[in-house]
Amino acid sequence: MKTDIDKRDFFKEPFSESELRKIIKMSGKKPSELLRKRDKAYKEMDFENTKRTDAQIIKIMIEHPGLILRPIIVTETQAFVGKVKAEDIK
């Protein structure tokens, strides 16, 4: 099965808050699960030792897109963030 793919560089075309919220909801994960824990900003912001609400994390993700795991694959019904196996995508 062949699928058309649209690519987007979210550093050049950042996500809006509503887009990011939709992706997070479609992924079935919490915003904190979609953060790159090895990113320099993650360490600088001391995410390991600082409590933040989901809303706060989303705002930080918008301000610092480098923190968002990639790739992000969005289908009509699901979003996959981070390492994805082809067989997981339906």
N, C-alpha and C. Protein backbone atom coordinates (compact mmCIF):
# COMPACT_ATOMS: atom_id res chain seq x y z
N MET A 1 0.84 -1.18 0.00
CA MET A 1 0.00 0.00 0.00
C MET A 1 0.89 1.24 0.00
N LYS A 2 0.62 2.15 -0.90
CA LYS A 2 1.38 3.39 -1.00
C LYS A 2 0.57 4.51 -0.37
N THR A 3 1.26 5.35 0.37
CA THR A 3 0.61 6.46 1.04
C THR A 3 1.34 7.75 0.70
N ASP A 4 0.58 8.80 0.44
CA ASP A 4 1.19 10.11 0.22
C ASP A 4 1.64 10.66 1.56
N ILE A 5 2.79 11.29 1.54
CA ILE A 5 3.35 11.84 2.77
C ILE A 5 3.62 13.32 2.56
N ASP A 6 3.19 14.13 3.51
CA ASP A 6 3.52 15.54 3.53
C ASP A 6 4.58 15.73 4.60
N LYS A 7 5.69 16.35 4.25
CA LYS A 7 6.75 16.61 5.21
C LYS A 7 6.61 18.04 5.73
N ARG A 8 6.99 18.22 6.97
CA ARG A 8 6.94 19.56 7.56
C ARG A 8 8.11 19.71 8.52
N ASP A 9 8.85 20.76 8.35
CA ASP A 9 9.93 21.09 9.27
C ASP A 9 9.34 22.01 10.33
N PHE A 10 9.07 21.44 11.51
CA PHE A 10 8.39 22.25 12.52
C PHE A 10 9.31 23.24 13.23
N PHE A 11 10.56 23.30 12.78
CA PHE A 11 11.43 24.38 13.24
C PHE A 11 11.16 25.62 12.37
N LYS A 12 10.92 25.38 11.08
CA LYS A 12 10.63 26.49 10.17
C LYS A 12 9.15 26.85 10.19
N GLU A 13 8.29 25.85 10.37
CA GLU A 13 6.84 26.05 10.45
C GLU A 13 6.35 25.49 11.79
N PRO A 14 6.52 26.25 12.87
CA PRO A 14 6.19 25.74 14.20
C PRO A 14 4.72 25.34 14.34
N PHE A 15 4.49 24.40 15.25
CA PHE A 15 3.13 23.99 15.56
C PHE A 15 2.42 25.10 16.32
N SER A 16 1.13 25.24 16.07
CA SER A 16 0.32 26.10 16.92
C SER A 16 0.00 25.28 18.17
N GLU A 17 -0.47 25.93 19.20
CA GLU A 17 -0.82 25.20 20.41
C GLU A 17 -1.92 24.17 20.13
N SER A 18 -2.91 24.56 19.32
CA SER A 18 -4.01 23.63 19.03
C SER A 18 -3.52 22.44 18.21
N GLU A 19 -2.61 22.65 17.27
CA GLU A 19 -2.06 21.54 16.49
C GLU A 19 -1.31 20.56 17.40
N LEU A 20 -0.48 21.11 18.27
CA LEU A 20 0.30 20.27 19.17
C LEU A 20 -0.61 19.50 20.13
N ARG A 21 -1.63 20.17 20.65
CA ARG A 21 -2.58 19.48 21.53
C ARG A 21 -3.28 18.33 20.80
N LYS A 22 -3.64 18.55 19.54
CA LYS A 22 -4.30 17.51 18.75
C LYS A 22 -3.37 16.32 18.54
N ILE A 23 -2.11 16.59 18.20
CA ILE A 23 -1.13 15.52 18.01
C ILE A 23 -0.95 14.73 19.29
N ILE A 24 -0.84 15.43 20.41
CA ILE A 24 -0.66 14.77 21.70
C ILE A 24 -1.85 13.88 22.00
N LYS A 25 -3.05 14.42 21.81
CA LYS A 25 -4.27 13.63 22.07
C LYS A 25 -4.32 12.41 21.17
N MET A 26 -4.00 12.59 19.88
CA MET A 26 -4.04 11.47 18.93
C MET A 26 -2.98 10.41 19.23
N SER A 27 -1.90 10.81 19.89
CA SER A 27 -0.83 9.86 20.22
C SER A 27 -1.21 8.99 21.42
N GLY A 28 -2.16 9.48 22.22
CA GLY A 28 -2.55 8.73 23.41
C GLY A 28 -1.53 8.82 24.54
N LYS A 29 -0.61 9.76 24.43
CA LYS A 29 0.44 9.91 25.44
C LYS A 29 0.32 11.26 26.13
N LYS A 30 1.03 11.39 27.23
CA LYS A 30 1.09 12.66 27.95
C LYS A 30 2.16 13.53 27.32
N PRO A 31 2.03 14.84 27.40
CA PRO A 31 3.05 15.72 26.83
C PRO A 31 4.46 15.38 27.31
N SER A 32 4.60 15.04 28.57
CA SER A 32 5.93 14.73 29.12
C SER A 32 6.56 13.50 28.46
N GLU A 33 5.75 12.62 27.90
CA GLU A 33 6.25 11.42 27.23
C GLU A 33 6.78 11.74 25.83
N LEU A 34 6.50 12.93 25.33
CA LEU A 34 6.91 13.31 23.99
C LEU A 34 8.11 14.25 23.98
N LEU A 35 8.81 14.29 25.10
CA LEU A 35 9.98 15.16 25.21
C LEU A 35 11.26 14.37 24.96
N ARG A 36 12.21 15.03 24.30
CA ARG A 36 13.53 14.43 24.07
C ARG A 36 14.36 14.65 25.33
N LYS A 37 14.51 13.59 26.11
CA LYS A 37 15.19 13.69 27.39
C LYS A 37 16.69 13.93 27.27
N ARG A 38 17.25 13.68 26.10
CA ARG A 38 18.68 13.92 25.89
C ARG A 38 18.96 15.32 25.35
N ASP A 39 17.91 16.08 25.08
CA ASP A 39 18.09 17.43 24.55
C ASP A 39 18.70 18.34 25.61
N LYS A 40 19.57 19.21 25.16
CA LYS A 40 20.25 20.15 26.07
C LYS A 40 19.23 20.99 26.86
N ALA A 41 18.19 21.47 26.18
CA ALA A 41 17.18 22.31 26.85
C ALA A 41 16.45 21.53 27.94
N TYR A 42 16.23 20.23 27.72
CA TYR A 42 15.57 19.39 28.72
C TYR A 42 16.38 19.40 30.02
N LYS A 43 17.67 19.25 29.86
CA LYS A 43 18.56 19.24 31.04
C LYS A 43 18.65 20.62 31.67
N GLU A 44 18.75 21.65 30.82
CA GLU A 44 18.87 23.02 31.33
C GLU A 44 17.62 23.44 32.10
N MET A 45 16.46 22.97 31.65
CA MET A 45 15.20 23.32 32.33
C MET A 45 14.89 22.39 33.49
N ASP A 46 15.79 21.46 33.75
CA ASP A 46 15.69 20.54 34.88
C ASP A 46 14.32 19.85 34.95
N PHE A 47 13.91 19.28 33.82
CA PHE A 47 12.62 18.59 33.76
C PHE A 47 12.54 17.44 34.75
N GLU A 48 13.67 16.80 35.03
CA GLU A 48 13.67 15.64 35.93
C GLU A 48 13.23 16.02 37.34
N ASN A 49 13.55 17.23 37.76
CA ASN A 49 13.31 17.63 39.15
C ASN A 49 12.29 18.75 39.32
N THR A 50 11.62 19.14 38.23
CA THR A 50 10.68 20.25 38.29
C THR A 50 9.31 19.77 37.83
N LYS A 51 8.30 19.96 38.69
CA LYS A 51 6.93 19.57 38.31
C LYS A 51 6.34 20.65 37.43
N ARG A 52 5.68 20.20 36.35
CA ARG A 52 5.00 21.12 35.45
C ARG A 52 3.68 20.49 35.04
N THR A 53 2.71 21.34 34.77
CA THR A 53 1.42 20.85 34.29
C THR A 53 1.54 20.51 32.81
N ASP A 54 0.58 19.76 32.28
CA ASP A 54 0.57 19.46 30.86
C ASP A 54 0.54 20.75 30.04
N ALA A 55 -0.25 21.71 30.47
CA ALA A 55 -0.35 22.99 29.75
C ALA A 55 0.99 23.71 29.72
N GLN A 56 1.71 23.68 30.84
CA GLN A 56 3.03 24.31 30.89
C GLN A 56 4.01 23.61 29.95
N ILE A 57 3.96 22.28 29.93
CA ILE A 57 4.86 21.51 29.07
C ILE A 57 4.57 21.82 27.60
N ILE A 58 3.29 21.89 27.24
CA ILE A 58 2.92 22.18 25.85
C ILE A 58 3.44 23.56 25.44
N LYS A 59 3.30 24.54 26.30
CA LYS A 59 3.80 25.88 25.98
C LYS A 59 5.33 25.86 25.80
N ILE A 60 6.02 25.10 26.62
CA ILE A 60 7.48 24.98 26.49
C ILE A 60 7.84 24.28 25.19
N MET A 61 7.07 23.26 24.81
CA MET A 61 7.32 22.53 23.55
C MET A 61 7.17 23.47 22.35
N ILE A 62 6.22 24.37 22.42
CA ILE A 62 6.01 25.33 21.33
C ILE A 62 7.18 26.31 21.26
N GLU A 63 7.64 26.77 22.42
CA GLU A 63 8.75 27.72 22.47
C GLU A 63 10.08 27.07 22.10
N HIS A 64 10.21 25.76 22.40
CA HIS A 64 11.47 25.03 22.17
C HIS A 64 11.17 23.74 21.41
N PRO A 65 10.92 23.84 20.09
CA PRO A 65 10.54 22.65 19.33
C PRO A 65 11.60 21.54 19.33
N GLY A 66 12.84 21.87 19.64
CA GLY A 66 13.88 20.86 19.73
C GLY A 66 13.60 19.83 20.81
N LEU A 67 12.73 20.17 21.76
CA LEU A 67 12.37 19.24 22.83
C LEU A 67 11.39 18.16 22.38
N ILE A 68 10.75 18.35 21.23
CA ILE A 68 9.72 17.42 20.79
C ILE A 68 10.36 16.22 20.10
N LEU A 69 9.97 15.03 20.56
CA LEU A 69 10.45 13.81 19.91
C LEU A 69 10.08 13.83 18.44
N ARG A 70 10.90 13.21 17.63
CA ARG A 70 10.60 13.09 16.22
C ARG A 70 11.10 11.75 15.74
N PRO A 71 10.58 11.27 14.66
CA PRO A 71 9.62 11.91 13.77
C PRO A 71 8.22 11.89 14.35
N ILE A 72 7.37 12.69 13.75
CA ILE A 72 5.94 12.70 14.08
C ILE A 72 5.21 12.26 12.82
N ILE A 73 4.44 11.20 12.96
CA ILE A 73 3.65 10.69 11.84
C ILE A 73 2.19 10.78 12.23
N VAL A 74 1.41 11.48 11.43
CA VAL A 74 -0.01 11.67 11.72
C VAL A 74 -0.83 11.01 10.62
N THR A 75 -1.71 10.10 11.02
CA THR A 75 -2.64 9.50 10.08
C THR A 75 -4.01 10.15 10.32
N GLU A 76 -5.03 9.64 9.70
CA GLU A 76 -6.36 10.22 9.92
C GLU A 76 -6.84 10.03 11.35
N THR A 77 -6.39 8.96 11.99
CA THR A 77 -6.93 8.63 13.32
C THR A 77 -5.90 8.58 14.44
N GLN A 78 -4.61 8.56 14.10
CA GLN A 78 -3.59 8.40 15.14
C GLN A 78 -2.38 9.28 14.84
N ALA A 79 -1.62 9.52 15.91
CA ALA A 79 -0.33 10.20 15.75
C ALA A 79 0.72 9.33 16.43
N PHE A 80 1.85 9.20 15.76
CA PHE A 80 2.96 8.42 16.28
C PHE A 80 4.13 9.38 16.44
N VAL A 81 4.72 9.38 17.62
CA VAL A 81 5.80 10.31 17.91
C VAL A 81 7.01 9.52 18.40
N GLY A 82 8.16 9.82 17.82
CA GLY A 82 9.38 9.10 18.20
C GLY A 82 9.59 7.89 17.33
N LYS A 83 10.33 6.94 17.85
CA LYS A 83 10.62 5.72 17.08
C LYS A 83 9.33 4.99 16.77
N VAL A 84 9.13 4.71 15.49
CA VAL A 84 7.90 4.07 15.03
C VAL A 84 8.25 2.92 14.11
N LYS A 85 7.56 1.81 14.27
CA LYS A 85 7.72 0.68 13.37
C LYS A 85 6.60 0.76 12.34
N ALA A 86 6.91 0.42 11.12
CA ALA A 86 5.91 0.48 10.03
C ALA A 86 4.68 -0.32 10.36
N GLU A 87 4.83 -1.47 11.00
CA GLU A 87 3.66 -2.30 11.32
C GLU A 87 2.76 -1.69 12.39
N ASP A 88 3.25 -0.70 13.13
CA ASP A 88 2.41 -0.02 14.14
C ASP A 88 1.42 0.94 13.50
N ILE A 89 1.73 1.41 12.30
CA ILE A 89 0.90 2.41 11.64
C ILE A 89 -0.21 1.69 10.88
N LYS A 90 -1.45 2.06 11.21
CA LYS A 90 -2.61 1.42 10.57
C LYS A 90 -3.35 2.43 9.76
